[in-house]
Amino acid sequence: MKALKGDATLHVTISQAKKNEMADKARTVIVLCLEDKVLIEVVKETIAAPMWSRLESLYVTKLSAHRQFLNKNSIPLEW
């Protein structure tokens, strides 16, 4: 998870080569888990951290808005 937040969050003793390898693996995992229509939105990002940030910006706000809509329009079940 730390690789998704960028090199600055990784431990100082880790070599730059290892940090790059971890970032590449994180990006690969993200790409493999996405559907095609979602992948199109983030495929331009070549580093895991910006790719993850882009996904968050696209979908976290949608999720929050959807939850608010459901809460507002739900019918209370009282017997």
PDB file of N, CA and C in Angstrom:
ATOM      1  N   MET A   1       0.819  -1.204   0.000  1.00  0.00           N
ATOM      2  CA  MET A   1       0.000   0.000   0.000  1.00  0.00           C
ATOM      3  C   MET A   1       0.856   1.259   0.000  1.00  0.00           C
ATOM      4  N   LYS A   2       2.000   1.213   0.630  1.00  0.00           N
ATOM      5  CA  LYS A   2       2.834   2.409   0.688  1.00  0.00           C
ATOM      6  C   LYS A   2       3.335   2.809  -0.693  1.00  0.00           C
ATOM      7  N   ALA A   3       3.496   1.840  -1.592  1.00  0.00           N
ATOM      8  CA  ALA A   3       3.947   2.157  -2.951  1.00  0.00           C
ATOM      9  C   ALA A   3       2.921   3.009  -3.683  1.00  0.00           C
ATOM     10  N   LEU A   4       1.667   2.914  -3.281  1.00  0.00           N
ATOM     11  CA  LEU A   4       0.624   3.716  -3.919  1.00  0.00           C
ATOM     12  C   LEU A   4       0.692   5.174  -3.517  1.00  0.00           C
ATOM     13  N   LYS A   5       1.379   5.458  -2.421  1.00  0.00           N
ATOM     14  CA  LYS A   5       1.477   6.836  -1.930  1.00  0.00           C
ATOM     15  C   LYS A   5       2.753   7.518  -2.386  1.00  0.00           C
ATOM     16  N   GLY A   6       3.605   6.814  -3.131  1.00  0.00           N
ATOM     17  CA  GLY A   6       4.823   7.416  -3.667  1.00  0.00           C
ATOM     18  C   GLY A   6       6.068   6.965  -2.928  1.00  0.00           C
ATOM     19  N   ASP A   7       7.215   7.269  -3.522  1.00  0.00           N
ATOM     20  CA  ASP A   7       8.514   6.860  -2.966  1.00  0.00           C
ATOM     21  C   ASP A   7       8.800   7.472  -1.599  1.00  0.00           C
ATOM     22  N   ALA A   8       8.289   8.647  -1.336  1.00  0.00           N
ATOM     23  CA  ALA A   8       8.592   9.342  -0.080  1.00  0.00           C
ATOM     24  C   ALA A   8       8.068   8.591   1.141  1.00  0.00           C
ATOM     25  N   THR A   9       7.036   7.769   0.963  1.00  0.00           N
ATOM     26  CA  THR A   9       6.459   7.065   2.103  1.00  0.00           C
ATOM     27  C   THR A   9       7.155   5.737   2.388  1.00  0.00           C
ATOM     28  N   LEU A  10       7.997   5.277   1.468  1.00  0.00           N
ATOM     29  CA  LEU A  10       8.710   4.023   1.678  1.00  0.00           C
ATOM     30  C   LEU A  10       9.908   4.243   2.602  1.00  0.00           C
ATOM     31  N   HIS A  11      10.317   3.195   3.279  1.00  0.00           N
ATOM     32  CA  HIS A  11      11.402   3.279   4.254  1.00  0.00           C
ATOM     33  C   HIS A  11      12.704   3.722   3.584  1.00  0.00           C
ATOM     34  N   VAL A  12      13.489   4.468   4.309  1.00  0.00           N
ATOM     35  CA  VAL A  12      14.728   5.063   3.795  1.00  0.00           C
ATOM     36  C   VAL A  12      15.742   4.002   3.388  1.00  0.00           C
ATOM     37  N   THR A  13      15.758   2.865   4.074  1.00  0.00           N
ATOM     38  CA  THR A  13      16.772   1.851   3.812  1.00  0.00           C
ATOM     39  C   THR A  13      16.504   1.039   2.552  1.00  0.00           C
ATOM     40  N   ILE A  14      15.342   1.188   1.963  1.00  0.00           N
ATOM     41  CA  ILE A  14      15.022   0.447   0.741  1.00  0.00           C
ATOM     42  C   ILE A  14      15.720   1.133  -0.434  1.00  0.00           C
ATOM     43  N   SER A  15      16.381   0.336  -1.256  1.00  0.00           N
ATOM     44  CA  SER A  15      17.106   0.900  -2.397  1.00  0.00           C
ATOM     45  C   SER A  15      16.125   1.462  -3.431  1.00  0.00           C
ATOM     46  N   GLN A  16      16.629   2.373  -4.254  1.00  0.00           N
ATOM     47  CA  GLN A  16      15.781   2.983  -5.279  1.00  0.00           C
ATOM     48  C   GLN A  16      15.295   1.936  -6.276  1.00  0.00           C
ATOM     49  N   ALA A  17      16.132   0.952  -6.581  1.00  0.00           N
ATOM     50  CA  ALA A  17      15.736  -0.119  -7.502  1.00  0.00           C
ATOM     51  C   ALA A  17      14.564  -0.916  -6.924  1.00  0.00           C
ATOM     52  N   LYS A  18      14.624  -1.206  -5.628  1.00  0.00           N
ATOM     53  CA  LYS A  18      13.547  -1.941  -4.965  1.00  0.00           C
ATOM     54  C   LYS A  18      12.268  -1.098  -4.929  1.00  0.00           C
ATOM     55  N   LYS A  19      12.408   0.209  -4.684  1.00  0.00           N
ATOM     56  CA  LYS A  19      11.245   1.103  -4.687  1.00  0.00           C
ATOM     57  C   LYS A  19      10.583   1.120  -6.058  1.00  0.00           C
ATOM     58  N   ASN A  20      11.411   1.186  -7.117  1.00  0.00           N
ATOM     59  CA  ASN A  20      10.867   1.176  -8.475  1.00  0.00           C
ATOM     60  C   ASN A  20      10.159  -0.136  -8.774  1.00  0.00           C
ATOM     61  N   GLU A  21      10.735  -1.241  -8.315  1.00  0.00           N
ATOM     62  CA  GLU A  21      10.126  -2.552  -8.521  1.00  0.00           C
ATOM     63  C   GLU A  21       8.779  -2.639  -7.805  1.00  0.00           C
ATOM     64  N   MET A  22       8.706  -2.128  -6.585  1.00  0.00           N
ATOM     65  CA  MET A  22       7.454  -2.142  -5.832  1.00  0.00           C
ATOM     66  C   MET A  22       6.388  -1.283  -6.518  1.00  0.00           C
ATOM     67  N   ALA A  23       6.793  -0.126  -7.031  1.00  0.00           N
ATOM     68  CA  ALA A  23       5.853   0.757  -7.730  1.00  0.00           C
ATOM     69  C   ALA A  23       5.355   0.107  -9.010  1.00  0.00           C
ATOM     70  N   ASP A  24       6.241  -0.576  -9.729  1.00  0.00           N
ATOM     71  CA  ASP A  24       5.837  -1.271 -10.958  1.00  0.00           C
ATOM     72  C   ASP A  24       4.852  -2.397 -10.657  1.00  0.00           C
ATOM     73  N   LYS A  25       5.109  -3.137  -9.591  1.00  0.00           N
ATOM     74  CA  LYS A  25       4.197  -4.218  -9.205  1.00  0.00           C
ATOM     75  C   LYS A  25       2.836  -3.663  -8.798  1.00  0.00           C
ATOM     76  N   ALA A  26       2.838  -2.560  -8.069  1.00  0.00           N
ATOM     77  CA  ALA A  26       1.572  -1.946  -7.652  1.00  0.00           C
ATOM     78  C   ALA A  26       0.765  -1.505  -8.863  1.00  0.00           C
ATOM     79  N   ARG A  27       1.424  -0.880  -9.837  1.00  0.00           N
ATOM     80  CA  ARG A  27       0.735  -0.446 -11.051  1.00  0.00           C
ATOM     81  C   ARG A  27       0.188  -1.647 -11.818  1.00  0.00           C
ATOM     82  N   THR A  28       0.965  -2.711 -11.908  1.00  0.00           N
ATOM     83  CA  THR A  28       0.533  -3.913 -12.613  1.00  0.00           C
ATOM     84  C   THR A  28      -0.701  -4.521 -11.962  1.00  0.00           C
ATOM     85  N   VAL A  29      -0.721  -4.577 -10.650  1.00  0.00           N
ATOM     86  CA  VAL A  29      -1.874  -5.124  -9.939  1.00  0.00           C
ATOM     87  C   VAL A  29      -3.115  -4.279 -10.188  1.00  0.00           C
ATOM     88  N   ILE A  30      -2.949  -2.967 -10.158  1.00  0.00           N
ATOM     89  CA  ILE A  30      -4.088  -2.078 -10.425  1.00  0.00           C
ATOM     90  C   ILE A  30      -4.632  -2.322 -11.823  1.00  0.00           C
ATOM     91  N   VAL A  31      -3.757  -2.361 -12.813  1.00  0.00           N
ATOM     92  CA  VAL A  31      -4.176  -2.540 -14.209  1.00  0.00           C
ATOM     93  C   VAL A  31      -4.890  -3.873 -14.393  1.00  0.00           C
ATOM     94  N   LEU A  32      -4.390  -4.921 -13.769  1.00  0.00           N
ATOM     95  CA  LEU A  32      -5.000  -6.236 -13.921  1.00  0.00           C
ATOM     96  C   LEU A  32      -6.382  -6.332 -13.272  1.00  0.00           C
ATOM     97  N   CYS A  33      -6.654  -5.482 -12.306  1.00  0.00           N
ATOM     98  CA  CYS A  33      -7.921  -5.549 -11.586  1.00  0.00           C
ATOM     99  C   CYS A  33      -9.020  -4.661 -12.183  1.00  0.00           C
ATOM    100  N   LEU A  34      -8.689  -3.850 -13.156  1.00  0.00           N
ATOM    101  CA  LEU A  34      -9.660  -2.902 -13.681  1.00  0.00           C
ATOM    102  C   LEU A  34     -10.370  -3.434 -14.922  1.00  0.00           C
ATOM    103  N   GLU A  35     -11.624  -3.048 -15.054  1.00  0.00           N
ATOM    104  CA  GLU A  35     -12.368  -3.339 -16.276  1.00  0.00           C
ATOM    105  C   GLU A  35     -11.878  -2.418 -17.377  1.00  0.00           C
ATOM    106  N   ASP A  36     -12.205  -2.751 -18.619  1.00  0.00           N
ATOM    107  CA  ASP A  36     -11.730  -1.972 -19.752  1.00  0.00           C
ATOM    108  C   ASP A  36     -12.182  -0.520 -19.698  1.00  0.00           C
ATOM    109  N   LYS A  37     -13.455  -0.286 -19.362  1.00  0.00           N
ATOM    110  CA  LYS A  37     -13.947   1.099 -19.378  1.00  0.00           C
ATOM    111  C   LYS A  37     -13.300   1.940 -18.281  1.00  0.00           C
ATOM    112  N   VAL A  38     -12.920   1.335 -17.185  1.00  0.00           N
ATOM    113  CA  VAL A  38     -12.228   2.054 -16.115  1.00  0.00           C
ATOM    114  C   VAL A  38     -10.758   2.236 -16.482  1.00  0.00           C
ATOM    115  N   LEU A  39     -10.179   1.216 -17.083  1.00  0.00           N
ATOM    116  CA  LEU A  39      -8.773   1.268 -17.474  1.00  0.00           C
ATOM    117  C   LEU A  39      -8.509   2.399 -18.457  1.00  0.00           C
ATOM    118  N   ILE A  40      -9.459   2.658 -19.336  1.00  0.00           N
ATOM    119  CA  ILE A  40      -9.312   3.748 -20.305  1.00  0.00           C
ATOM    120  C   ILE A  40      -9.110   5.086 -19.596  1.00  0.00           C
ATOM    121  N   GLU A  41      -9.735   5.247 -18.438  1.00  0.00           N
ATOM    122  CA  GLU A  41      -9.635   6.506 -17.691  1.00  0.00           C
ATOM    123  C   GLU A  41      -8.249   6.745 -17.085  1.00  0.00           C
ATOM    124  N   VAL A  42      -7.519   5.674 -16.796  1.00  0.00           N
ATOM    125  CA  VAL A  42      -6.252   5.828 -16.067  1.00  0.00           C
ATOM    126  C   VAL A  42      -5.034   5.288 -16.808  1.00  0.00           C
ATOM    127  N   VAL A  43      -5.209   4.790 -18.010  1.00  0.00           N
ATOM    128  CA  VAL A  43      -4.114   4.126 -18.718  1.00  0.00           C
ATOM    129  C   VAL A  43      -2.959   5.084 -19.038  1.00  0.00           C
ATOM    130  N   LYS A  44      -3.211   6.368 -19.087  1.00  0.00           N
ATOM    131  CA  LYS A  44      -2.157   7.338 -19.396  1.00  0.00           C
ATOM    132  C   LYS A  44      -1.143   7.468 -18.262  1.00  0.00           C
ATOM    133  N   GLU A  45      -1.552   7.130 -17.061  1.00  0.00           N
ATOM    134  CA  GLU A  45      -0.648   7.220 -15.908  1.00  0.00           C
ATOM    135  C   GLU A  45       0.336   6.050 -15.943  1.00  0.00           C
ATOM    136  N   THR A  46       1.611   6.344 -15.824  1.00  0.00           N
ATOM    137  CA  THR A  46       2.627   5.297 -15.883  1.00  0.00           C
ATOM    138  C   THR A  46       3.183   4.935 -14.520  1.00  0.00           C
ATOM    139  N   ILE A  47       2.753   5.655 -13.488  1.00  0.00           N
ATOM    140  CA  ILE A  47       3.216   5.408 -12.125  1.00  0.00           C
ATOM    141  C   ILE A  47       2.007   5.081 -11.263  1.00  0.00           C
ATOM    142  N   ALA A  48       2.187   4.182 -10.305  1.00  0.00           N
ATOM    143  CA  ALA A  48       1.072   3.700  -9.493  1.00  0.00           C
ATOM    144  C   ALA A  48       0.410   4.796  -8.665  1.00  0.00           C
ATOM    145  N   ALA A  49       1.188   5.672  -8.051  1.00  0.00           N
ATOM    146  CA  ALA A  49       0.622   6.693  -7.162  1.00  0.00           C
ATOM    147  C   ALA A  49      -0.332   7.642  -7.894  1.00  0.00           C
ATOM    148  N   PRO A  50       0.061   8.217  -9.040  1.00  0.00           N
ATOM    149  CA  PRO A  50      -0.901   9.070  -9.755  1.00  0.00           C
ATOM    150  C   PRO A  50      -2.100   8.297 -10.296  1.00  0.00           C
ATOM    151  N   MET A  51      -1.870   7.034 -10.659  1.00  0.00           N
ATOM    152  CA  MET A  51      -2.977   6.210 -11.152  1.00  0.00           C
ATOM    153  C   MET A  51      -4.002   6.005 -10.036  1.00  0.00           C
ATOM    154  N   TRP A  52      -3.531   5.705  -8.840  1.00  0.00           N
ATOM    155  CA  TRP A  52      -4.417   5.500  -7.703  1.00  0.00           C
ATOM    156  C   TRP A  52      -5.156   6.791  -7.349  1.00  0.00           C
ATOM    157  N   SER A  53      -4.451   7.903  -7.388  1.00  0.00           N
ATOM    158  CA  SER A  53      -5.084   9.201  -7.111  1.00  0.00           C
ATOM    159  C   SER A  53      -6.180   9.507  -8.129  1.00  0.00           C
ATOM    160  N   ARG A  54      -5.913   9.199  -9.379  1.00  0.00           N
ATOM    161  CA  ARG A  54      -6.915   9.417 -10.436  1.00  0.00           C
ATOM    162  C   ARG A  54      -8.146   8.552 -10.196  1.00  0.00           C
ATOM    163  N   LEU A  55      -7.948   7.305  -9.837  1.00  0.00           N
ATOM    164  CA  LEU A  55      -9.083   6.421  -9.531  1.00  0.00           C
ATOM    165  C   LEU A  55      -9.895   6.959  -8.361  1.00  0.00           C
ATOM    166  N   GLU A  56      -9.205   7.412  -7.327  1.00  0.00           N
ATOM    167  CA  GLU A  56      -9.906   7.989  -6.177  1.00  0.00           C
ATOM    168  C   GLU A  56     -10.716   9.204  -6.575  1.00  0.00           C
ATOM    169  N   SER A  57     -10.123  10.074  -7.374  1.00  0.00           N
ATOM    170  CA  SER A  57     -10.846  11.287  -7.770  1.00  0.00           C
ATOM    171  C   SER A  57     -12.061  10.970  -8.630  1.00  0.00           C
ATOM    172  N   LEU A  58     -11.980   9.920  -9.408  1.00  0.00           N
ATOM    173  CA  LEU A  58     -13.104   9.547 -10.274  1.00  0.00           C
ATOM    174  C   LEU A  58     -14.241   8.871  -9.518  1.00  0.00           C
ATOM    175  N   TYR A  59     -13.904   8.010  -8.571  1.00  0.00           N
ATOM    176  CA  TYR A  59     -14.926   7.133  -8.011  1.00  0.00           C
ATOM    177  C   TYR A  59     -15.295   7.383  -6.562  1.00  0.00           C
ATOM    178  N   VAL A  60     -14.466   7.999  -5.771  1.00  0.00           N
ATOM    179  CA  VAL A  60     -14.832   8.259  -4.378  1.00  0.00           C
ATOM    180  C   VAL A  60     -15.967   9.271  -4.315  1.00  0.00           C
ATOM    181  N   THR A  61     -15.904  10.307  -5.125  1.00  0.00           N
ATOM    182  CA  THR A  61     -16.975  11.311  -5.111  1.00  0.00           C
ATOM    183  C   THR A  61     -18.275  10.724  -5.622  1.00  0.00           C
ATOM    184  N   LYS A  62     -18.198   9.850  -6.613  1.00  0.00           N
ATOM    185  CA  LYS A  62     -19.412   9.203  -7.127  1.00  0.00           C
ATOM    186  C   LYS A  62     -20.037   8.313  -6.063  1.00  0.00           C
ATOM    187  N   LEU A  63     -19.206   7.606  -5.320  1.00  0.00           N
ATOM    188  CA  LEU A  63     -19.701   6.728  -4.273  1.00  0.00           C
ATOM    189  C   LEU A  63     -20.385   7.530  -3.180  1.00  0.00           C
ATOM    190  N   SER A  64     -19.791   8.633  -2.792  1.00  0.00           N
ATOM    191  CA  SER A  64     -20.381   9.479  -1.751  1.00  0.00           C
ATOM    192  C   SER A  64     -21.717  10.047  -2.206  1.00  0.00           C
ATOM    193  N   ALA A  65     -21.774  10.515  -3.443  1.00  0.00           N
ATOM    194  CA  ALA A  65     -23.021  11.070  -3.975  1.00  0.00           C
ATOM    195  C   ALA A  65     -24.096   9.988  -4.060  1.00  0.00           C
ATOM    196  N   HIS A  66     -23.714   8.800  -4.444  1.00  0.00           N
ATOM    197  CA  HIS A  66     -24.666   7.699  -4.549  1.00  0.00           C
ATOM    198  C   HIS A  66     -25.223   7.332  -3.165  1.00  0.00           C
ATOM    199  N   ARG A  67     -24.360   7.293  -2.176  1.00  0.00           N
ATOM    200  CA  ARG A  67     -24.815   6.996  -0.812  1.00  0.00           C
ATOM    201  C   ARG A  67     -25.786   8.052  -0.305  1.00  0.00           C
ATOM    202  N   GLN A  68     -25.476   9.321  -0.560  1.00  0.00           N
ATOM    203  CA  GLN A  68     -26.366  10.399  -0.128  1.00  0.00           C
ATOM    204  C   GLN A  68     -27.724  10.284  -0.817  1.00  0.00           C
ATOM    205  N   PHE A  69     -27.728   9.960  -2.095  1.00  0.00           N
ATOM    206  CA  PHE A  69     -28.972   9.797  -2.838  1.00  0.00           C
ATOM    207  C   PHE A  69     -29.800   8.662  -2.244  1.00  0.00           C
ATOM    208  N   LEU A  70     -29.146   7.548  -1.966  1.00  0.00           N
ATOM    209  CA  LEU A  70     -29.866   6.407  -1.402  1.00  0.00           C
ATOM    210  C   LEU A  70     -30.428   6.725  -0.023  1.00  0.00           C
ATOM    211  N   ASN A  71     -29.662   7.421   0.809  1.00  0.00           N
ATOM    212  CA  ASN A  71     -30.142   7.780   2.144  1.00  0.00           C
ATOM    213  C   ASN A  71     -31.293   8.761   2.073  1.00  0.00           C
ATOM    214  N   LYS A  72     -31.229   9.695   1.156  1.00  0.00           N
ATOM    215  CA  LYS A  72     -32.263  10.710   1.017  1.00  0.00           C
ATOM    216  C   LYS A  72     -33.571  10.104   0.507  1.00  0.00           C
ATOM    217  N   ASN A  73     -33.477   9.156  -0.393  1.00  0.00           N
ATOM    218  CA  ASN A  73     -34.657   8.598  -1.044  1.00  0.00           C
ATOM    219  C   ASN A  73     -35.109   7.268  -0.460  1.00  0.00           C
ATOM    220  N   SER A  74     -34.522   6.859   0.620  1.00  0.00           N
ATOM    221  CA  SER A  74     -34.932   5.579   1.207  1.00  0.00           C
ATOM    222  C   SER A  74     -36.232   5.752   1.971  1.00  0.00           C
ATOM    223  N   ILE A  75     -36.994   4.709   1.991  1.00  0.00           N
ATOM    224  CA  ILE A  75     -38.279   4.721   2.692  1.00  0.00           C
ATOM    225  C   ILE A  75     -38.065   4.049   4.044  1.00  0.00           C
ATOM    226  N   PRO A  76     -38.330   4.756   5.112  1.00  0.00           N
ATOM    227  CA  PRO A  76     -38.151   4.128   6.426  1.00  0.00           C
ATOM    228  C   PRO A  76     -39.194   3.036   6.644  1.00  0.00           C
ATOM    229  N   LEU A  77     -38.717   1.933   7.137  1.00  0.00           N
ATOM    230  CA  LEU A  77     -39.627   0.801   7.393  1.00  0.00           C
ATOM    231  C   LEU A  77     -40.017   0.798   8.861  1.00  0.00           C
ATOM    232  N   GLU A  78     -41.160   1.325   9.134  1.00  0.00           N
ATOM    233  CA  GLU A  78     -41.653   1.336  10.507  1.00  0.00           C
ATOM    234  C   GLU A  78     -42.943   0.532  10.553  1.00  0.00           C
ATOM    235  N   TRP A  79     -43.052  -0.337  11.507  1.00  0.00           N
ATOM    236  CA  TRP A  79     -44.244  -1.188  11.608  1.00  0.00           C
ATOM    237  C   TRP A  79     -45.138  -0.709  12.678  1.00  0.00           C
TER     238      TRP A  79
END
